Amino acid sequence: MSYLEILQSFQLIAWEWVAIGFAVFLLGLSKSGIKGIGIIIVVILAFIFGEKASTGVLLPMLIAADIFAVTYYFHHVKWDIIKKLIPWMIVGVLVGVWVGNDISELLFKRMMAVIIIISVLIMIYTERKASPKVPKSKWFGIIMGFLAGFTTMIGNLAGPISNIYFLAMRFPKNEFIGTAAWLFFIINVFKLPFHILVWKTVSVDTLVLNSVLIPTVVIGFFLGARIVKLISNLNYRRFILIVTAIGGIIMLFR
């Protein structure tokens, strides 16, 4: 089957191509550091490709965007945080692989939406108190790491969870972006074999589609990187809280 025939096999009409292009442009913006918009990407792709299939369409583009992000923010990484979270994220991914075919996605996402919204309200409260304290409990890292791993496997929905964690740790803007970039690059590469061999959501056909879309991701990334430079640390934190809350509401009612 030729390159063009593979693209035609998806039977996408004009408005769907526009929606997909917009989604992957947002992906580039998200990976550049404009966090909280990932849920919008997931919603668009799930609507067009279906819930589970969309996770395989999205994953290779996530990895491509991750490569740009880890390169761009290479010097702004908290490796101790990555070492703390990665083991529990891996556990979450493995559990997600196991239950992915059995759990009700609608029920799961609504539950997660409630958790996200409650967590954002807690974070807004702590922001208003302006307390310099950060969570010290080992269990905070374990729970957030597991939830991030589980949700990223089920539906690439770990963004709000990781946003809440990094905001709670009170990272400056660049450390927030750089640490998240490396964390998800590692975990997305780890997820890839499961999507290919177990769920079979990544195939030659989806990779051909990805090859057409990745240039739009690149454009979004570099535009987003310029925008991030213009945002102060305080306004960046406020922006993430607002957009993450909106994402949780979208997840709840989608």
Protein backbone atom coordinates (compact mmCIF):
# COMPACT_ATOMS: atom_id res chain seq x y z
CA MET A 1 0.00 0.00 0.00
CA SER A 2 1.39 3.41 -0.98
CA TYR A 3 1.94 6.36 1.37
CA LEU A 4 -1.10 8.17 -0.01
CA GLU A 5 -3.30 5.07 0.13
CA ILE A 6 -2.44 4.61 3.81
CA LEU A 7 -3.49 8.20 4.57
CA GLN A 8 -6.71 7.73 2.59
CA SER A 9 -7.48 4.56 4.56
CA PHE A 10 -8.18 6.71 7.64
CA GLN A 11 -11.11 8.24 5.71
CA LEU A 12 -10.64 11.65 7.27
CA ILE A 13 -12.69 14.53 5.90
CA ALA A 14 -11.53 18.14 5.67
CA TRP A 15 -12.77 19.37 9.07
CA GLU A 16 -11.20 16.34 10.77
CA TRP A 17 -7.81 17.16 9.23
CA VAL A 18 -8.18 20.73 10.47
CA ALA A 19 -9.10 19.52 13.99
CA ILE A 20 -6.17 17.08 14.06
CA GLY A 21 -3.80 19.78 12.83
CA PHE A 22 -5.02 22.11 15.59
CA ALA A 23 -4.58 19.34 18.18
CA VAL A 24 -0.99 18.57 17.22
CA PHE A 25 -0.19 22.30 17.08
CA LEU A 26 -1.43 22.50 20.67
CA LEU A 27 0.79 19.49 21.44
CA GLY A 28 3.82 21.48 20.33
CA LEU A 29 2.74 24.42 22.48
CA SER A 30 2.22 22.09 25.44
CA LYS A 31 5.64 20.48 25.19
CA SER A 32 7.30 23.90 24.95
CA GLY A 33 6.05 24.65 28.46
CA ILE A 34 2.51 25.96 27.99
CA LYS A 35 1.10 23.29 30.27
CA GLY A 36 -2.49 22.32 30.92
CA ILE A 37 -3.74 22.19 27.32
CA GLY A 38 -2.96 18.49 26.87
CA ILE A 39 -6.48 17.46 27.82
CA ILE A 40 -7.83 19.42 24.83
CA ILE A 41 -5.55 17.42 22.51
CA VAL A 42 -6.76 14.14 24.01
CA VAL A 43 -10.42 15.15 23.63
CA ILE A 44 -10.03 16.12 19.94
CA LEU A 45 -8.14 12.98 18.93
CA ALA A 46 -10.43 10.69 20.93
CA PHE A 47 -13.46 12.22 19.20
CA ILE A 48 -11.98 11.54 15.74
CA PHE A 49 -10.16 8.21 16.21
CA GLY A 50 -11.93 6.71 19.24
CA GLU A 51 -10.76 6.51 22.83
CA LYS A 52 -8.18 3.74 22.74
CA ALA A 53 -7.00 4.13 19.15
CA SER A 54 -6.25 7.81 19.73
CA THR A 55 -3.67 6.93 22.39
CA GLY A 56 -1.59 5.12 19.77
CA VAL A 57 -1.96 7.92 17.25
CA LEU A 58 -0.79 10.46 19.82
CA LEU A 59 2.10 8.61 21.47
CA PRO A 60 4.75 8.85 18.69
CA MET A 61 4.03 12.57 18.33
CA LEU A 62 4.43 12.97 22.09
CA ILE A 63 7.83 11.30 21.88
CA ALA A 64 8.87 13.51 18.95
CA ALA A 65 7.83 16.64 20.88
CA ASP A 66 9.58 15.29 24.00
CA ILE A 67 12.87 15.12 22.08
CA PHE A 68 12.64 18.82 21.26
CA ALA A 69 11.65 19.63 24.86
CA VAL A 70 14.49 17.71 26.54
CA THR A 71 16.98 19.27 24.12
CA TYR A 72 15.70 22.81 24.59
CA TYR A 73 15.45 22.62 28.40
CA PHE A 74 18.42 20.30 28.94
CA HIS A 75 20.00 22.44 31.67
CA HIS A 76 16.80 22.84 33.71
CA VAL A 77 16.24 19.37 35.15
CA LYS A 78 15.76 18.16 38.73
CA TRP A 79 17.13 14.64 38.37
CA ASP A 80 16.41 13.77 42.01
CA ILE A 81 12.69 14.30 41.33
CA ILE A 82 12.83 12.12 38.22
CA LYS A 83 14.55 9.32 40.17
CA LYS A 84 11.87 9.63 42.84
CA LEU A 85 8.87 9.50 40.47
CA ILE A 86 9.95 7.17 37.64
CA PRO A 87 9.70 3.84 39.57
CA TRP A 88 6.13 4.60 40.64
CA MET A 89 5.17 5.88 37.21
CA ILE A 90 6.42 2.59 35.72
CA VAL A 91 4.23 0.68 38.19
CA GLY A 92 1.29 2.87 37.17
CA VAL A 93 1.93 2.22 33.46
CA LEU A 94 2.09 -1.55 34.01
CA VAL A 95 -1.18 -1.52 35.95
CA GLY A 96 -2.69 0.64 33.19
CA VAL A 97 -1.63 -1.90 30.54
CA TRP A 98 -3.22 -4.69 32.56
CA VAL A 99 -6.58 -3.07 33.25
CA GLY A 100 -6.81 -0.97 30.07
CA ASN A 101 -9.16 -3.37 28.31
CA ASP A 102 -11.46 -3.91 31.29
CA ILE A 103 -11.95 -0.59 33.07
CA SER A 104 -14.74 1.74 31.96
CA GLU A 105 -12.94 4.73 30.45
CA LEU A 106 -15.94 6.97 31.04
CA LEU A 107 -16.14 6.12 34.75
CA PHE A 108 -12.37 6.32 35.16
CA LYS A 109 -12.04 9.71 33.48
CA ARG A 110 -14.92 11.17 35.48
CA MET A 111 -13.32 9.96 38.70
CA MET A 112 -10.00 11.43 37.63
CA ALA A 113 -11.71 14.70 36.69
CA VAL A 114 -13.11 15.02 40.21
CA ILE A 115 -9.67 14.27 41.69
CA ILE A 116 -8.02 16.83 39.42
CA ILE A 117 -10.55 19.56 40.19
CA ILE A 118 -10.29 18.94 43.95
CA SER A 119 -6.50 18.96 43.71
CA VAL A 120 -6.54 22.26 41.80
CA LEU A 121 -8.78 23.81 44.46
CA ILE A 122 -6.30 22.68 47.11
CA MET A 123 -3.43 24.16 45.09
CA ILE A 124 -5.30 27.48 44.70
CA TYR A 125 -5.75 27.55 48.46
CA THR A 126 -2.04 26.95 49.08
CA GLU A 127 -1.14 29.57 46.44
CA ARG A 128 -3.31 32.15 48.20
CA LYS A 129 -1.63 31.33 51.51
CA ALA A 130 1.73 31.82 49.77
CA SER A 131 3.31 29.26 52.04
CA PRO A 132 6.95 28.47 51.23
CA LYS A 133 6.54 24.88 52.44
CA VAL A 134 6.59 22.01 49.97
CA PRO A 135 5.18 18.51 50.55
CA LYS A 136 7.72 16.34 52.36
CA SER A 137 5.73 13.12 52.61
CA LYS A 138 7.15 10.15 50.71
CA TRP A 139 3.60 9.03 50.04
CA PHE A 140 2.81 12.23 48.16
CA GLY A 141 5.45 11.36 45.55
CA ILE A 142 4.41 7.70 45.43
CA ILE A 143 0.71 8.44 44.92
CA MET A 144 1.27 11.19 42.35
CA GLY A 145 3.84 9.09 40.48
CA PHE A 146 1.52 6.09 40.32
CA LEU A 147 -1.47 8.18 39.21
CA ALA A 148 0.62 9.91 36.55
CA GLY A 149 1.84 6.57 35.20
CA PHE A 150 -1.61 4.99 35.23
CA THR A 151 -3.37 7.93 33.59
CA THR A 152 -0.70 8.40 30.92
CA MET A 153 -1.11 4.76 29.86
CA ILE A 154 -4.90 4.75 29.89
CA GLY A 155 -5.38 7.94 27.90
CA ASN A 156 -2.30 10.20 27.87
CA LEU A 157 -4.01 12.11 30.67
CA ALA A 158 -1.14 12.54 33.12
CA GLY A 159 -0.63 16.24 32.43
CA PRO A 160 -2.96 17.60 35.14
CA ILE A 161 -1.52 15.16 37.71
CA SER A 162 2.08 16.14 36.97
CA ASN A 163 1.14 19.84 36.89
CA ILE A 164 -0.31 19.58 40.38
CA TYR A 165 2.80 17.77 41.65
CA PHE A 166 5.28 20.25 40.19
CA LEU A 167 3.24 23.22 41.37
CA ALA A 168 3.15 21.72 44.86
CA MET A 169 6.94 21.38 44.77
CA ARG A 170 7.12 25.09 43.85
CA PHE A 171 9.53 24.69 40.97
CA PRO A 172 10.54 27.81 39.03
CA LYS A 173 9.20 27.96 35.47
CA ASN A 174 12.19 26.48 33.61
CA GLU A 175 12.80 23.70 36.16
CA PHE A 176 9.10 22.84 35.97
CA ILE A 177 9.25 22.51 32.17
CA GLY A 178 12.64 20.78 31.97
CA THR A 179 11.93 18.18 34.64
CA ALA A 180 8.49 17.37 33.20
CA ALA A 181 10.01 17.07 29.72
CA TRP A 182 12.56 14.45 30.76
CA LEU A 183 10.09 12.61 32.96
CA PHE A 184 7.58 12.12 30.16
CA PHE A 185 10.18 11.43 27.50
CA ILE A 186 11.39 8.48 29.57
CA ILE A 187 7.92 7.20 30.39
CA ASN A 188 6.54 7.66 26.85
CA VAL A 189 9.40 5.62 25.38
CA PHE A 190 8.69 2.97 28.03
CA LYS A 191 5.01 2.90 26.98
CA LEU A 192 5.72 2.45 23.27
CA PRO A 193 6.32 -1.35 23.20
CA PHE A 194 3.03 -1.94 25.04
CA HIS A 195 1.14 0.10 22.46
CA ILE A 196 2.80 -1.84 19.63
CA LEU A 197 2.74 -5.38 21.02
CA VAL A 198 -0.11 -5.50 23.56
CA TRP A 199 -2.74 -2.93 22.64
CA LYS A 200 -1.67 -2.79 18.96
CA THR A 201 -2.59 0.90 18.79
CA VAL A 202 0.71 1.88 17.10
CA SER A 203 1.18 0.47 13.60
CA VAL A 204 2.83 1.29 10.29
CA ASP A 205 -0.37 3.09 9.27
CA THR A 206 -0.46 5.32 12.36
CA LEU A 207 3.25 6.10 11.97
CA VAL A 208 2.64 7.24 8.39
CA LEU A 209 -0.08 9.55 9.70
CA ASN A 210 2.32 10.82 12.37
CA SER A 211 4.94 11.65 9.76
CA VAL A 212 2.51 14.08 8.12
CA LEU A 213 1.58 15.74 11.42
CA ILE A 214 4.96 16.08 13.19
CA PRO A 215 6.00 19.27 11.29
CA THR A 216 2.97 21.00 12.83
CA VAL A 217 4.12 19.83 16.28
CA VAL A 218 7.53 21.41 15.62
CA ILE A 219 5.97 24.74 14.63
CA GLY A 220 3.84 24.72 17.79
CA PHE A 221 6.86 23.90 19.96
CA PHE A 222 9.06 26.77 18.80
CA LEU A 223 6.21 29.29 18.87
CA GLY A 224 5.33 28.14 22.38
CA ALA A 225 8.96 28.43 23.53
CA ARG A 226 8.94 32.11 22.52
CA ILE A 227 5.67 32.68 24.37
CA VAL A 228 6.96 31.02 27.57
CA LYS A 229 9.89 33.45 27.72
CA LEU A 230 7.41 36.32 28.01
CA ILE A 231 5.54 34.83 30.99
CA SER A 232 6.71 35.54 34.55
CA ASN A 233 7.00 32.73 37.11
CA LEU A 234 3.94 33.99 39.01
CA ASN A 235 1.74 34.36 35.96
CA TYR A 236 2.96 30.99 34.65
CA ARG A 237 1.77 29.26 37.85
CA ARG A 238 -1.59 31.03 37.67
CA PHE A 239 -2.00 30.11 34.02
CA ILE A 240 -1.33 26.42 34.73
CA LEU A 241 -3.81 26.34 37.60
CA ILE A 242 -6.57 27.89 35.48
CA VAL A 243 -6.02 25.75 32.39
CA THR A 244 -5.63 22.56 34.44
CA ALA A 245 -8.95 23.27 36.18
CA ILE A 246 -10.62 23.83 32.80
CA GLY A 247 -9.10 20.56 31.57
CA GLY A 248 -10.54 18.70 34.54
CA ILE A 249 -14.01 20.10 33.82
CA ILE A 250 -13.71 19.11 30.14
CA MET A 251 -12.72 15.59 31.18
CA LEU A 252 -15.69 15.40 33.52
CA PHE A 253 -18.29 16.30 30.90
CA ARG A 254 -16.78 14.98 27.65
